[in-house]
Amino acid sequence: MSARGAEAENLAAAYLQQAGLTLVARNYRCRFGEIDVVAREGKTLVFVEVRMRSSNRFGGAAASITAAKRAKLLRTARHYLAGIARPPACRFDALLINGTDNSIEWLKNAFAE
């Protein structure tokens, strides 16, 4: 992971903790991919994709989460949940970080149809 990527994930983790979420895992990896942050908000397990972009050219951070990336995240989350006896309610969030000023936009339930 690049230094900017690590910085983005550290910012995201601190932001989520300040918002009251409990971090469960960071950089969960399996053969299907990686989930940047796994956290709990109450009884809900939250899978968080962190994206940092230095500009909004080419659509910005949100546009970088493609359908293929969402599919990888879903497969990786299923793998994570397979190790839990009673999987809780889950959602996928995205934390979009503006690399010029480190402002954060939190998209809860980002992959809902």
PDB file of N, CA and C in Angstrom:
ATOM      1  N   MET A   1       0.843  -1.164   0.000  1.00  0.00           N
ATOM      2  CA  MET A   1       0.000   0.000   0.000  1.00  0.00           C
ATOM      3  C   MET A   1       0.898   1.240   0.000  1.00  0.00           C
ATOM      4  N   SER A   2       0.473   2.240  -0.723  1.00  0.00           N
ATOM      5  CA  SER A   2       1.246   3.479  -0.783  1.00  0.00           C
ATOM      6  C   SER A   2       1.096   4.271   0.514  1.00  0.00           C
ATOM      7  N   ALA A   3       1.979   5.228   0.702  1.00  0.00           N
ATOM      8  CA  ALA A   3       1.904   6.088   1.889  1.00  0.00           C
ATOM      9  C   ALA A   3       0.606   6.887   1.882  1.00  0.00           C
ATOM     10  N   ARG A   4       0.162   7.345   0.699  1.00  0.00           N
ATOM     11  CA  ARG A   4      -1.107   8.098   0.610  1.00  0.00           C
ATOM     12  C   ARG A   4      -2.285   7.192   0.929  1.00  0.00           C
ATOM     13  N   GLY A   5      -2.220   5.952   0.497  1.00  0.00           N
ATOM     14  CA  GLY A   5      -3.286   5.000   0.803  1.00  0.00           C
ATOM     15  C   GLY A   5      -3.370   4.730   2.291  1.00  0.00           C
ATOM     16  N   ALA A   6      -2.222   4.545   2.927  1.00  0.00           N
ATOM     17  CA  ALA A   6      -2.193   4.325   4.378  1.00  0.00           C
ATOM     18  C   ALA A   6      -2.713   5.556   5.115  1.00  0.00           C
ATOM     19  N   GLU A   7      -2.337   6.747   4.631  1.00  0.00           N
ATOM     20  CA  GLU A   7      -2.825   7.985   5.242  1.00  0.00           C
ATOM     21  C   GLU A   7      -4.347   8.072   5.136  1.00  0.00           C
ATOM     22  N   ALA A   8      -4.881   7.737   3.973  1.00  0.00           N
ATOM     23  CA  ALA A   8      -6.328   7.775   3.761  1.00  0.00           C
ATOM     24  C   ALA A   8      -7.043   6.805   4.703  1.00  0.00           C
ATOM     25  N   GLU A   9      -6.516   5.600   4.837  1.00  0.00           N
ATOM     26  CA  GLU A   9      -7.156   4.614   5.705  1.00  0.00           C
ATOM     27  C   GLU A   9      -7.044   5.005   7.174  1.00  0.00           C
ATOM     28  N   ASN A  10      -5.942   5.624   7.577  1.00  0.00           N
ATOM     29  CA  ASN A  10      -5.818   6.108   8.951  1.00  0.00           C
ATOM     30  C   ASN A  10      -6.812   7.232   9.229  1.00  0.00           C
ATOM     31  N   LEU A  11      -6.964   8.159   8.272  1.00  0.00           N
ATOM     32  CA  LEU A  11      -7.962   9.223   8.405  1.00  0.00           C
ATOM     33  C   LEU A  11      -9.363   8.631   8.521  1.00  0.00           C
ATOM     34  N   ALA A  12      -9.651   7.653   7.678  1.00  0.00           N
ATOM     35  CA  ALA A  12     -10.966   7.021   7.672  1.00  0.00           C
ATOM     36  C   ALA A  12     -11.245   6.314   8.994  1.00  0.00           C
ATOM     37  N   ALA A  13     -10.275   5.576   9.491  1.00  0.00           N
ATOM     38  CA  ALA A  13     -10.459   4.854  10.759  1.00  0.00           C
ATOM     39  C   ALA A  13     -10.719   5.831  11.898  1.00  0.00           C
ATOM     40  N   ALA A  14      -9.954   6.908  11.967  1.00  0.00           N
ATOM     41  CA  ALA A  14     -10.153   7.912  13.025  1.00  0.00           C
ATOM     42  C   ALA A  14     -11.523   8.570  12.889  1.00  0.00           C
ATOM     43  N   TYR A  15     -11.925   8.864  11.671  1.00  0.00           N
ATOM     44  CA  TYR A  15     -13.224   9.487  11.408  1.00  0.00           C
ATOM     45  C   TYR A  15     -14.371   8.582  11.876  1.00  0.00           C
ATOM     46  N   LEU A  16     -14.279   7.311  11.534  1.00  0.00           N
ATOM     47  CA  LEU A  16     -15.326   6.359  11.922  1.00  0.00           C
ATOM     48  C   LEU A  16     -15.395   6.199  13.438  1.00  0.00           C
ATOM     49  N   GLN A  17     -14.245   6.136  14.093  1.00  0.00           N
ATOM     50  CA  GLN A  17     -14.231   6.018  15.551  1.00  0.00           C
ATOM     51  C   GLN A  17     -14.831   7.260  16.200  1.00  0.00           C
ATOM     52  N   GLN A  18     -14.509   8.436  15.682  1.00  0.00           N
ATOM     53  CA  GLN A  18     -15.084   9.663  16.214  1.00  0.00           C
ATOM     54  C   GLN A  18     -16.597   9.706  16.015  1.00  0.00           C
ATOM     55  N   ALA A  19     -17.075   9.034  14.980  1.00  0.00           N
ATOM     56  CA  ALA A  19     -18.509   8.970  14.701  1.00  0.00           C
ATOM     57  C   ALA A  19     -19.204   7.901  15.544  1.00  0.00           C
ATOM     58  N   GLY A  20     -18.442   7.178  16.369  1.00  0.00           N
ATOM     59  CA  GLY A  20     -19.034   6.200  17.274  1.00  0.00           C
ATOM     60  C   GLY A  20     -18.983   4.762  16.824  1.00  0.00           C
ATOM     61  N   LEU A  21     -18.366   4.477  15.691  1.00  0.00           N
ATOM     62  CA  LEU A  21     -18.248   3.090  15.247  1.00  0.00           C
ATOM     63  C   LEU A  21     -17.076   2.423  15.944  1.00  0.00           C
ATOM     64  N   THR A  22     -17.156   1.116  16.090  1.00  0.00           N
ATOM     65  CA  THR A  22     -16.085   0.320  16.676  1.00  0.00           C
ATOM     66  C   THR A  22     -15.371  -0.414  15.556  1.00  0.00           C
ATOM     67  N   LEU A  23     -14.067  -0.220  15.456  1.00  0.00           N
ATOM     68  CA  LEU A  23     -13.309  -0.917  14.415  1.00  0.00           C
ATOM     69  C   LEU A  23     -13.163  -2.390  14.774  1.00  0.00           C
ATOM     70  N   VAL A  24     -13.427  -3.250  13.810  1.00  0.00           N
ATOM     71  CA  VAL A  24     -13.322  -4.696  13.989  1.00  0.00           C
ATOM     72  C   VAL A  24     -12.084  -5.220  13.269  1.00  0.00           C
ATOM     73  N   ALA A  25     -11.840  -4.714  12.071  1.00  0.00           N
ATOM     74  CA  ALA A  25     -10.687  -5.167  11.275  1.00  0.00           C
ATOM     75  C   ALA A  25     -10.309  -4.078  10.281  1.00  0.00           C
ATOM     76  N   ARG A  26      -9.026  -4.081   9.936  1.00  0.00           N
ATOM     77  CA  ARG A  26      -8.542  -3.194   8.874  1.00  0.00           C
ATOM     78  C   ARG A  26      -7.804  -4.050   7.868  1.00  0.00           C
ATOM     79  N   ASN A  27      -7.976  -3.716   6.613  1.00  0.00           N
ATOM     80  CA  ASN A  27      -7.304  -4.422   5.518  1.00  0.00           C
ATOM     81  C   ASN A  27      -7.545  -5.928   5.563  1.00  0.00           C
ATOM     82  N   TYR A  28      -8.815  -6.311   5.692  1.00  0.00           N
ATOM     83  CA  TYR A  28      -9.165  -7.726   5.653  1.00  0.00           C
ATOM     84  C   TYR A  28      -8.929  -8.236   4.233  1.00  0.00           C
ATOM     85  N   ARG A  29      -8.100  -9.257   4.110  1.00  0.00           N
ATOM     86  CA  ARG A  29      -7.748  -9.810   2.799  1.00  0.00           C
ATOM     87  C   ARG A  29      -8.114 -11.287   2.717  1.00  0.00           C
ATOM     88  N   CYS A  30      -8.550 -11.653   1.537  1.00  0.00           N
ATOM     89  CA  CYS A  30      -8.745 -13.070   1.215  1.00  0.00           C
ATOM     90  C   CYS A  30      -8.497 -13.208  -0.288  1.00  0.00           C
ATOM     91  N   ARG A  31      -8.736 -14.371  -0.818  1.00  0.00           N
ATOM     92  CA  ARG A  31      -8.436 -14.602  -2.238  1.00  0.00           C
ATOM     93  C   ARG A  31      -9.322 -13.775  -3.170  1.00  0.00           C
ATOM     94  N   PHE A  32     -10.427 -13.242  -2.648  1.00  0.00           N
ATOM     95  CA  PHE A  32     -11.339 -12.476  -3.495  1.00  0.00           C
ATOM     96  C   PHE A  32     -11.010 -10.992  -3.560  1.00  0.00           C
ATOM     97  N   GLY A  33     -10.301 -10.498  -2.554  1.00  0.00           N
ATOM     98  CA  GLY A  33      -9.979  -9.079  -2.545  1.00  0.00           C
ATOM     99  C   GLY A  33      -9.688  -8.582  -1.143  1.00  0.00           C
ATOM    100  N   GLU A  34      -9.898  -7.297  -0.947  1.00  0.00           N
ATOM    101  CA  GLU A  34      -9.604  -6.659   0.340  1.00  0.00           C
ATOM    102  C   GLU A  34     -10.720  -5.691   0.711  1.00  0.00           C
ATOM    103  N   ILE A  35     -11.013  -5.652   1.995  1.00  0.00           N
ATOM    104  CA  ILE A  35     -11.931  -4.653   2.539  1.00  0.00           C
ATOM    105  C   ILE A  35     -11.105  -3.757   3.442  1.00  0.00           C
ATOM    106  N   ASP A  36     -11.185  -2.457   3.188  1.00  0.00           N
ATOM    107  CA  ASP A  36     -10.329  -1.505   3.899  1.00  0.00           C
ATOM    108  C   ASP A  36     -10.613  -1.480   5.397  1.00  0.00           C
ATOM    109  N   VAL A  37     -11.887  -1.368   5.766  1.00  0.00           N
ATOM    110  CA  VAL A  37     -12.260  -1.297   7.180  1.00  0.00           C
ATOM    111  C   VAL A  37     -13.529  -2.100   7.394  1.00  0.00           C
ATOM    112  N   VAL A  38     -13.540  -2.882   8.477  1.00  0.00           N
ATOM    113  CA  VAL A  38     -14.756  -3.540   8.941  1.00  0.00           C
ATOM    114  C   VAL A  38     -15.028  -2.941  10.319  1.00  0.00           C
ATOM    115  N   ALA A  39     -16.249  -2.452  10.507  1.00  0.00           N
ATOM    116  CA  ALA A  39     -16.594  -1.781  11.762  1.00  0.00           C
ATOM    117  C   ALA A  39     -17.995  -2.180  12.193  1.00  0.00           C
ATOM    118  N   ARG A  40     -18.318  -1.838  13.430  1.00  0.00           N
ATOM    119  CA  ARG A  40     -19.671  -2.058  13.951  1.00  0.00           C
ATOM    120  C   ARG A  40     -20.290  -0.727  14.296  1.00  0.00           C
ATOM    121  N   GLU A  41     -21.534  -0.579  13.876  1.00  0.00           N
ATOM    122  CA  GLU A  41     -22.346   0.557  14.292  1.00  0.00           C
ATOM    123  C   GLU A  41     -23.589  -0.047  14.931  1.00  0.00           C
ATOM    124  N   GLY A  42     -23.589  -0.070  16.265  1.00  0.00           N
ATOM    125  CA  GLY A  42     -24.653  -0.788  16.961  1.00  0.00           C
ATOM    126  C   GLY A  42     -24.537  -2.269  16.655  1.00  0.00           C
ATOM    127  N   LYS A  43     -25.625  -2.853  16.164  1.00  0.00           N
ATOM    128  CA  LYS A  43     -25.621  -4.273  15.818  1.00  0.00           C
ATOM    129  C   LYS A  43     -25.286  -4.524  14.345  1.00  0.00           C
ATOM    130  N   THR A  44     -25.044  -3.463  13.607  1.00  0.00           N
ATOM    131  CA  THR A  44     -24.780  -3.581  12.175  1.00  0.00           C
ATOM    132  C   THR A  44     -23.289  -3.673  11.902  1.00  0.00           C
ATOM    133  N   LEU A  45     -22.908  -4.637  11.070  1.00  0.00           N
ATOM    134  CA  LEU A  45     -21.532  -4.776  10.621  1.00  0.00           C
ATOM    135  C   LEU A  45     -21.392  -3.939   9.353  1.00  0.00           C
ATOM    136  N   VAL A  46     -20.403  -3.059   9.341  1.00  0.00           N
ATOM    137  CA  VAL A  46     -20.233  -2.121   8.230  1.00  0.00           C
ATOM    138  C   VAL A  46     -18.917  -2.411   7.513  1.00  0.00           C
ATOM    139  N   PHE A  47     -19.011  -2.695   6.220  1.00  0.00           N
ATOM    140  CA  PHE A  47     -17.843  -2.881   5.379  1.00  0.00           C
ATOM    141  C   PHE A  47     -17.588  -1.539   4.682  1.00  0.00           C
ATOM    142  N   VAL A  48     -16.389  -1.003   4.870  1.00  0.00           N
ATOM    143  CA  VAL A  48     -16.101   0.356   4.386  1.00  0.00           C
ATOM    144  C   VAL A  48     -15.005   0.341   3.328  1.00  0.00           C
ATOM    145  N   GLU A  49     -15.310   0.931   2.193  1.00  0.00           N
ATOM    146  CA  GLU A  49     -14.333   1.158   1.129  1.00  0.00           C
ATOM    147  C   GLU A  49     -13.845   2.600   1.252  1.00  0.00           C
ATOM    148  N   VAL A  50     -12.539   2.779   1.323  1.00  0.00           N
ATOM    149  CA  VAL A  50     -11.939   4.103   1.468  1.00  0.00           C
ATOM    150  C   VAL A  50     -11.328   4.505   0.140  1.00  0.00           C
ATOM    151  N   ARG A  51     -11.675   5.715  -0.335  1.00  0.00           N
ATOM    152  CA  ARG A  51     -11.132   6.215  -1.597  1.00  0.00           C
ATOM    153  C   ARG A  51     -10.652   7.648  -1.406  1.00  0.00           C
ATOM    154  N   MET A  52      -9.428   7.908  -1.829  1.00  0.00           N
ATOM    155  CA  MET A  52      -8.888   9.260  -1.796  1.00  0.00           C
ATOM    156  C   MET A  52      -8.518   9.660  -3.219  1.00  0.00           C
ATOM    157  N   ARG A  53      -8.914  10.852  -3.594  1.00  0.00           N
ATOM    158  CA  ARG A  53      -8.550  11.406  -4.893  1.00  0.00           C
ATOM    159  C   ARG A  53      -8.117  12.851  -4.690  1.00  0.00           C
ATOM    160  N   SER A  54      -7.110  13.267  -5.443  1.00  0.00           N
ATOM    161  CA  SER A  54      -6.605  14.627  -5.299  1.00  0.00           C
ATOM    162  C   SER A  54      -7.404  15.631  -6.119  1.00  0.00           C
ATOM    163  N   SER A  55      -8.257  15.146  -7.023  1.00  0.00           N
ATOM    164  CA  SER A  55      -9.115  16.054  -7.788  1.00  0.00           C
ATOM    165  C   SER A  55     -10.371  15.313  -8.218  1.00  0.00           C
ATOM    166  N   ASN A  56     -11.333  16.081  -8.701  1.00  0.00           N
ATOM    167  CA  ASN A  56     -12.572  15.474  -9.193  1.00  0.00           C
ATOM    168  C   ASN A  56     -12.530  15.221 -10.693  1.00  0.00           C
ATOM    169  N   ARG A  57     -11.362  15.419 -11.278  1.00  0.00           N
ATOM    170  CA  ARG A  57     -11.227  15.061 -12.688  1.00  0.00           C
ATOM    171  C   ARG A  57     -11.502  13.572 -12.815  1.00  0.00           C
ATOM    172  N   PHE A  58     -12.099  13.179 -13.877  1.00  0.00           N
ATOM    173  CA  PHE A  58     -12.439  11.777 -14.132  1.00  0.00           C
ATOM    174  C   PHE A  58     -13.481  11.256 -13.157  1.00  0.00           C
ATOM    175  N   GLY A  59     -14.256  12.138 -12.508  1.00  0.00           N
ATOM    176  CA  GLY A  59     -15.366  11.702 -11.676  1.00  0.00           C
ATOM    177  C   GLY A  59     -15.090  11.642 -10.194  1.00  0.00           C
ATOM    178  N   GLY A  60     -13.866  11.790  -9.762  1.00  0.00           N
ATOM    179  CA  GLY A  60     -13.562  11.807  -8.336  1.00  0.00           C
ATOM    180  C   GLY A  60     -13.579  10.429  -7.700  1.00  0.00           C
ATOM    181  N   ALA A  61     -13.559  10.433  -6.383  1.00  0.00           N
ATOM    182  CA  ALA A  61     -13.421   9.191  -5.622  1.00  0.00           C
ATOM    183  C   ALA A  61     -14.614   8.254  -5.800  1.00  0.00           C
ATOM    184  N   ALA A  62     -15.814   8.793  -5.806  1.00  0.00           N
ATOM    185  CA  ALA A  62     -17.006   7.943  -5.922  1.00  0.00           C
ATOM    186  C   ALA A  62     -17.022   7.186  -7.245  1.00  0.00           C
ATOM    187  N   ALA A  63     -16.621   7.854  -8.310  1.00  0.00           N
ATOM    188  CA  ALA A  63     -16.632   7.223  -9.631  1.00  0.00           C
ATOM    189  C   ALA A  63     -15.615   6.096  -9.742  1.00  0.00           C
ATOM    190  N   SER A  64     -14.650   6.069  -8.838  1.00  0.00           N
ATOM    191  CA  SER A  64     -13.622   5.026  -8.911  1.00  0.00           C
ATOM    192  C   SER A  64     -14.102   3.695  -8.331  1.00  0.00           C
ATOM    193  N   ILE A  65     -15.283   3.676  -7.738  1.00  0.00           N
ATOM    194  CA  ILE A  65     -15.837   2.426  -7.216  1.00  0.00           C
ATOM    195  C   ILE A  65     -16.752   1.851  -8.295  1.00  0.00           C
ATOM    196  N   THR A  66     -16.160   1.072  -9.151  1.00  0.00           N
ATOM    197  CA  THR A  66     -16.853   0.518 -10.318  1.00  0.00           C
ATOM    198  C   THR A  66     -17.710  -0.686  -9.934  1.00  0.00           C
ATOM    199  N   ALA A  67     -18.507  -1.140 -10.878  1.00  0.00           N
ATOM    200  CA  ALA A  67     -19.324  -2.340 -10.663  1.00  0.00           C
ATOM    201  C   ALA A  67     -18.436  -3.545 -10.364  1.00  0.00           C
ATOM    202  N   ALA A  68     -17.308  -3.642 -11.041  1.00  0.00           N
ATOM    203  CA  ALA A  68     -16.380  -4.755 -10.790  1.00  0.00           C
ATOM    204  C   ALA A  68     -15.822  -4.677  -9.372  1.00  0.00           C
ATOM    205  N   LYS A  69     -15.501  -3.468  -8.908  1.00  0.00           N
ATOM    206  CA  LYS A  69     -14.987  -3.296  -7.546  1.00  0.00           C
ATOM    207  C   LYS A  69     -16.067  -3.659  -6.529  1.00  0.00           C
ATOM    208  N   ARG A  70     -17.301  -3.248  -6.776  1.00  0.00           N
ATOM    209  CA  ARG A  70     -18.404  -3.590  -5.864  1.00  0.00           C
ATOM    210  C   ARG A  70     -18.583  -5.108  -5.787  1.00  0.00           C
ATOM    211  N   ALA A  71     -18.476  -5.785  -6.912  1.00  0.00           N
ATOM    212  CA  ALA A  71     -18.618  -7.248  -6.931  1.00  0.00           C
ATOM    213  C   ALA A  71     -17.505  -7.909  -6.120  1.00  0.00           C
ATOM    214  N   LYS A  72     -16.272  -7.394  -6.242  1.00  0.00           N
ATOM    215  CA  LYS A  72     -15.152  -7.927  -5.449  1.00  0.00           C
ATOM    216  C   LYS A  72     -15.390  -7.715  -3.959  1.00  0.00           C
ATOM    217  N   LEU A  73     -15.881  -6.533  -3.603  1.00  0.00           N
ATOM    218  CA  LEU A  73     -16.164  -6.245  -2.191  1.00  0.00           C
ATOM    219  C   LEU A  73     -17.238  -7.183  -1.649  1.00  0.00           C
ATOM    220  N   LEU A  74     -18.260  -7.434  -2.439  1.00  0.00           N
ATOM    221  CA  LEU A  74     -19.330  -8.336  -2.006  1.00  0.00           C
ATOM    222  C   LEU A  74     -18.797  -9.754  -1.790  1.00  0.00           C
ATOM    223  N   ARG A  75     -17.983 -10.251  -2.704  1.00  0.00           N
ATOM    224  CA  ARG A  75     -17.411 -11.595  -2.543  1.00  0.00           C
ATOM    225  C   ARG A  75     -16.510 -11.659  -1.306  1.00  0.00           C
ATOM    226  N   THR A  76     -15.732 -10.609  -1.090  1.00  0.00           N
ATOM    227  CA  THR A  76     -14.834 -10.568   0.062  1.00  0.00           C
ATOM    228  C   THR A  76     -15.634 -10.510   1.359  1.00  0.00           C
ATOM    229  N   ALA A  77     -16.702  -9.742   1.375  1.00  0.00           N
ATOM    230  CA  ALA A  77     -17.557  -9.656   2.566  1.00  0.00           C
ATOM    231  C   ALA A  77     -18.218 -11.001   2.857  1.00  0.00           C
ATOM    232  N   ARG A  78     -18.656 -11.677   1.826  1.00  0.00           N
ATOM    233  CA  ARG A  78     -19.251 -13.010   2.027  1.00  0.00           C
ATOM    234  C   ARG A  78     -18.233 -13.959   2.650  1.00  0.00           C
ATOM    235  N   HIS A  79     -16.994 -13.874   2.197  1.00  0.00           N
ATOM    236  CA  HIS A  79     -15.930 -14.698   2.769  1.00  0.00           C
ATOM    237  C   HIS A  79     -15.748 -14.361   4.246  1.00  0.00           C
ATOM    238  N   TYR A  80     -15.720 -13.082   4.575  1.00  0.00           N
ATOM    239  CA  TYR A  80     -15.583 -12.644   5.962  1.00  0.00           C
ATOM    240  C   TYR A  80     -16.744 -13.177   6.806  1.00  0.00           C
ATOM    241  N   LEU A  81     -17.951 -13.060   6.293  1.00  0.00           N
ATOM    242  CA  LEU A  81     -19.144 -13.482   7.037  1.00  0.00           C
ATOM    243  C   LEU A  81     -19.220 -14.995   7.209  1.00  0.00           C
ATOM    244  N   ALA A  82     -18.584 -15.749   6.323  1.00  0.00           N
ATOM    245  CA  ALA A  82     -18.601 -17.212   6.428  1.00  0.00           C
ATOM    246  C   ALA A  82     -17.951 -17.681   7.724  1.00  0.00           C
ATOM    247  N   GLY A  83     -17.099 -16.853   8.307  1.00  0.00           N
ATOM    248  CA  GLY A  83     -16.444 -17.215   9.555  1.00  0.00           C
ATOM    249  C   GLY A  83     -17.213 -16.806  10.800  1.00  0.00           C
ATOM    250  N   ILE A  84     -18.410 -16.287  10.626  1.00  0.00           N
ATOM    251  CA  ILE A  84     -19.226 -15.837  11.759  1.00  0.00           C
ATOM    252  C   ILE A  84     -20.440 -16.752  11.878  1.00  0.00           C
ATOM    253  N   ALA A  85     -20.638 -17.313  13.064  1.00  0.00           N
ATOM    254  CA  ALA A  85     -21.728 -18.266  13.273  1.00  0.00           C
ATOM    255  C   ALA A  85     -23.094 -17.653  12.953  1.00  0.00           C
ATOM    256  N   ARG A  86     -23.355 -16.480  13.469  1.00  0.00           N
ATOM    257  CA  ARG A  86     -24.630 -15.797  13.205  1.00  0.00           C
ATOM    258  C   ARG A  86     -24.337 -14.418  12.624  1.00  0.00           C
ATOM    259  N   PRO A  87     -24.255 -14.334  11.307  1.00  0.00           N
ATOM    260  CA  PRO A  87     -23.927 -13.047  10.688  1.00  0.00           C
ATOM    261  C   PRO A  87     -24.968 -11.971  11.038  1.00  0.00           C
ATOM    262  N   PRO A  88     -24.509 -10.794  11.416  1.00  0.00           N
ATOM    263  CA  PRO A  88     -25.420  -9.698  11.743  1.00  0.00           C
ATOM    264  C   PRO A  88     -25.905  -8.988  10.483  1.00  0.00           C
ATOM    265  N   ALA A  89     -26.764  -8.009  10.663  1.00  0.00           N
ATOM    266  CA  ALA A  89     -27.150  -7.141   9.557  1.00  0.00           C
ATOM    267  C   ALA A  89     -25.884  -6.437   9.080  1.00  0.00           C
ATOM    268  N   CYS A  90     -25.794  -6.220   7.782  1.00  0.00           N
ATOM    269  CA  CYS A  90     -24.584  -5.628   7.200  1.00  0.00           C
ATOM    270  C   CYS A  90     -24.950  -4.516   6.231  1.00  0.00           C
ATOM    271  N   ARG A  91     -23.963  -3.655   5.987  1.00  0.00           N
ATOM    272  CA  ARG A  91     -24.107  -2.655   4.927  1.00  0.00           C
ATOM    273  C   ARG A  91     -22.711  -2.309   4.406  1.00  0.00           C
ATOM    274  N   PHE A  92     -22.697  -1.709   3.237  1.00  0.00           N
ATOM    275  CA  PHE A  92     -21.462  -1.257   2.608  1.00  0.00           C
ATOM    276  C   PHE A  92     -21.473   0.263   2.565  1.00  0.00           C
ATOM    277  N   ASP A  93     -20.448   0.863   3.140  1.00  0.00           N
ATOM    278  CA  ASP A  93     -20.291   2.315   3.120  1.00  0.00           C
ATOM    279  C   ASP A  93     -19.048   2.662   2.322  1.00  0.00           C
ATOM    280  N   ALA A  94     -18.980   3.912   1.900  1.00  0.00           N
ATOM    281  CA  ALA A  94     -17.776   4.432   1.244  1.00  0.00           C
ATOM    282  C   ALA A  94     -17.388   5.726   1.938  1.00  0.00           C
ATOM    283  N   LEU A  95     -16.104   5.862   2.227  1.00  0.00           N
ATOM    284  CA  LEU A  95     -15.578   7.123   2.740  1.00  0.00           C
ATOM    285  C   LEU A  95     -14.728   7.716   1.625  1.00  0.00           C
ATOM    286  N   LEU A  96     -15.147   8.872   1.151  1.00  0.00           N
ATOM    287  CA  LEU A  96     -14.487   9.539   0.041  1.00  0.00           C
ATOM    288  C   LEU A  96     -13.689  10.706   0.599  1.00  0.00           C
ATOM    289  N   ILE A  97     -12.395  10.672   0.395  1.00  0.00           N
ATOM    290  CA  ILE A  97     -11.509  11.681   0.970  1.00  0.00           C
ATOM    291  C   ILE A  97     -10.948  12.556  -0.141  1.00  0.00           C
ATOM    292  N   ASN A  98     -11.111  13.859   0.041  1.00  0.00           N
ATOM    293  CA  ASN A  98     -10.548  14.833  -0.887  1.00  0.00           C
ATOM    294  C   ASN A  98      -9.083  15.007  -0.506  1.00  0.00           C
ATOM    295  N   GLY A  99      -8.198  14.615  -1.382  1.00  0.00           N
ATOM    296  CA  GLY A  99      -6.772  14.630  -1.090  1.00  0.00           C
ATOM    297  C   GLY A  99      -6.161  16.003  -0.956  1.00  0.00           C
ATOM    298  N   THR A 100      -6.853  17.051  -1.374  1.00  0.00           N
ATOM    299  CA  THR A 100      -6.281  18.390  -1.257  1.00  0.00           C
ATOM    300  C   THR A 100      -6.504  18.996   0.127  1.00  0.00           C
ATOM    301  N   ASP A 101      -7.635  18.681   0.756  1.00  0.00           N
ATOM    302  CA  ASP A 101      -7.904  19.265   2.081  1.00  0.00           C
ATOM    303  C   ASP A 101      -8.295  18.231   3.134  1.00  0.00           C
ATOM    304  N   ASN A 102      -8.267  16.947   2.764  1.00  0.00           N
ATOM    305  CA  ASN A 102      -8.621  15.828   3.649  1.00  0.00           C
ATOM    306  C   ASN A 102     -10.056  15.878   4.155  1.00  0.00           C
ATOM    307  N   SER A 103     -10.936  16.598   3.461  1.00  0.00           N
ATOM    308  CA  SER A 103     -12.353  16.564   3.838  1.00  0.00           C
ATOM    309  C   SER A 103     -12.911  15.183   3.481  1.00  0.00           C
ATOM    310  N   ILE A 104     -13.901  14.750   4.253  1.00  0.00           N
ATOM    311  CA  ILE A 104     -14.434  13.395   4.096  1.00  0.00           C
ATOM    312  C   ILE A 104     -15.928  13.451   3.818  1.00  0.00           C
ATOM    313  N   GLU A 105     -16.332  12.685   2.831  1.00  0.00           N
ATOM    314  CA  GLU A 105     -17.754  12.482   2.555  1.00  0.00           C
ATOM    315  C   GLU A 105     -18.050  11.018   2.859  1.00  0.00           C
ATOM    316  N   TRP A 106     -19.049  10.788   3.713  1.00  0.00           N
ATOM    317  CA  TRP A 106     -19.401   9.430   4.139  1.00  0.00           C
ATOM    318  C   TRP A 106     -20.686   9.027   3.439  1.00  0.00           C
ATOM    319  N   LEU A 107     -20.603   8.038   2.584  1.00  0.00           N
ATOM    320  CA  LEU A 107     -21.779   7.512   1.900  1.00  0.00           C
ATOM    321  C   LEU A 107     -22.205   6.232   2.605  1.00  0.00           C
ATOM    322  N   LYS A 108     -23.250   6.340   3.422  1.00  0.00           N
ATOM    323  CA  LYS A 108     -23.761   5.141   4.095  1.00  0.00           C
ATOM    324  C   LYS A 108     -24.607   4.360   3.104  1.00  0.00           C
ATOM    325  N   ASN A 109     -24.510   3.042   3.212  1.00  0.00           N
ATOM    326  CA  ASN A 109     -25.259   2.138   2.334  1.00  0.00           C
ATOM    327  C   ASN A 109     -24.988   2.512   0.869  1.00  0.00           C
ATOM    328  N   ALA A 110     -23.732   2.688   0.561  1.00  0.00           N
ATOM    329  CA  ALA A 110     -23.300   3.238  -0.720  1.00  0.00           C
ATOM    330  C   ALA A 110     -23.645   2.362  -1.928  1.00  0.00           C
ATOM    331  N   PHE A 111     -23.817   1.080  -1.719  1.00  0.00           N
ATOM    332  CA  PHE A 111     -24.033   0.192  -2.854  1.00  0.00           C
ATOM    333  C   PHE A 111     -25.470  -0.284  -2.977  1.00  0.00           C
ATOM    334  N   ALA A 112     -26.376   0.383  -2.274  1.00  0.00           N
ATOM    335  CA  ALA A 112     -27.790  -0.002  -2.350  1.00  0.00           C
ATOM    336  C   ALA A 112     -28.320   0.289  -3.743  1.00  0.00           C
ATOM    337  N   GLU A 113     -29.152  -0.550  -4.209  1.00  0.00           N
ATOM    338  CA  GLU A 113     -29.750  -0.375  -5.535  1.00  0.00           C
ATOM    339  C   GLU A 113     -30.937   0.547  -5.442  1.00  0.00           C
TER     340      GLU A 113
END
